[in-house]
Amino acid sequence: MAFPHRQKGWLGLIGLVLALVIVALMARTVLKEYGLVKDPEAHAKSAKAPANETEEAATVTPRNALERAHALQDQVRQEAIDQEKRIDAAIPK
């Protein structure tokens, strides 16, 4: 089926480029939300100077999603160990 006007693929090419731009913008937004891409504006807004070393140590957080996942995994393991100890202590011997 031939069109009366020969468009030589320009309309399809423009449509593909537009779709690619939309997908790239959505992907960037999703990656920022998951913490996989550094967002310097959000980091600058959230960063404030701590008053002392103790406060600085308390405010240090993992910088990316993988570190947060490892921290959560360690926390779950520690809670499981603590719960096992409580259960063992509650069982009469």
Protein backbone atom coordinates (compact mmCIF):
# COMPACT_ATOMS: atom_id res chain seq x y z
CA MET A 1 0.00 0.00 0.00
CA ALA A 2 1.64 3.21 -1.16
CA PHE A 3 0.92 6.65 0.19
CA PRO A 4 0.20 9.44 -2.28
CA HIS A 5 3.02 11.54 -0.85
CA ARG A 6 6.42 9.95 -0.52
CA GLN A 7 7.51 10.77 2.99
CA LYS A 8 10.83 8.87 2.71
CA GLY A 9 10.68 7.73 6.34
CA TRP A 10 11.03 11.17 7.92
CA LEU A 11 7.76 10.95 9.81
CA GLY A 12 8.68 7.57 11.29
CA LEU A 13 12.17 8.77 12.20
CA ILE A 14 10.80 11.81 14.01
CA GLY A 15 8.32 9.60 15.86
CA LEU A 16 11.10 7.23 16.96
CA VAL A 17 13.30 10.08 18.19
CA LEU A 18 10.41 11.57 20.15
CA ALA A 19 9.62 8.20 21.75
CA LEU A 20 13.31 7.73 22.63
CA VAL A 21 13.45 11.14 24.34
CA ILE A 22 10.34 10.36 26.39
CA VAL A 23 11.71 6.98 27.50
CA ALA A 24 15.08 8.51 28.42
CA LEU A 25 13.45 11.18 30.58
CA MET A 26 11.30 8.61 32.35
CA ALA A 27 14.28 6.30 32.92
CA ARG A 28 16.35 9.13 34.42
CA THR A 29 13.53 10.01 36.82
CA VAL A 30 13.12 6.38 37.92
CA LEU A 31 16.87 5.93 38.42
CA LYS A 32 17.01 9.06 40.58
CA GLU A 33 14.12 7.82 42.72
CA TYR A 34 15.87 4.49 43.33
CA GLY A 35 19.11 6.26 44.15
CA LEU A 36 21.10 4.68 41.34
CA VAL A 37 21.98 8.04 39.78
CA LYS A 38 23.54 10.81 41.83
CA ASP A 39 21.41 13.92 42.08
CA PRO A 40 23.74 16.80 43.05
CA GLU A 41 20.88 19.25 43.66
CA ALA A 42 19.10 16.97 46.15
CA HIS A 43 22.39 16.12 47.87
CA ALA A 44 23.31 19.81 48.24
CA LYS A 45 19.89 20.63 49.69
CA SER A 46 19.95 17.78 52.19
CA ALA A 47 23.57 18.29 53.27
CA LYS A 48 24.06 20.54 56.24
CA ALA A 49 27.10 21.05 58.42
CA PRO A 50 26.97 18.90 61.58
CA ALA A 51 27.78 20.58 64.88
CA ASN A 52 30.30 18.01 66.17
CA GLU A 53 31.84 14.62 65.39
CA THR A 54 29.14 12.70 67.26
CA GLU A 55 26.39 14.35 65.25
CA GLU A 56 28.37 13.84 62.05
CA ALA A 57 28.74 10.11 62.77
CA ALA A 58 25.02 9.84 63.48
CA THR A 59 24.02 11.57 60.23
CA VAL A 60 26.17 9.47 57.86
CA THR A 61 23.91 7.45 55.57
CA PRO A 62 24.69 5.02 52.76
CA ARG A 63 24.99 6.82 49.44
CA ASN A 64 23.46 4.34 47.09
CA ALA A 65 20.79 1.69 46.99
CA LEU A 66 23.19 -1.25 47.18
CA GLU A 67 24.74 0.03 50.41
CA ARG A 68 21.27 0.61 51.88
CA ALA A 69 20.28 -2.94 50.94
CA HIS A 70 23.37 -4.38 52.65
CA ALA A 71 22.69 -2.29 55.75
CA LEU A 72 19.10 -3.58 55.87
CA GLN A 73 20.31 -7.15 55.42
CA ASP A 74 22.75 -6.77 58.31
CA GLN A 75 20.01 -5.26 60.48
CA VAL A 76 17.63 -8.16 59.75
CA ARG A 77 20.35 -10.69 60.56
CA GLN A 78 21.14 -8.95 63.86
CA GLU A 79 17.45 -8.84 64.81
CA ALA A 80 17.14 -12.57 64.02
CA ILE A 81 20.12 -13.32 66.28
CA ASP A 82 18.61 -11.20 69.07
CA GLN A 83 15.24 -12.91 68.70
CA GLU A 84 16.89 -16.34 68.82
CA LYS A 85 18.66 -15.36 72.04
CA ARG A 86 15.37 -14.17 73.59
CA ILE A 87 13.65 -17.42 72.61
CA ASP A 88 16.47 -19.51 74.03
CA ALA A 89 16.37 -17.50 77.26
CA ALA A 90 12.58 -17.96 77.58
CA ILE A 91 12.72 -21.76 77.22
CA PRO A 92 13.19 -23.40 80.64
CA LYS A 93 16.12 -25.75 80.90
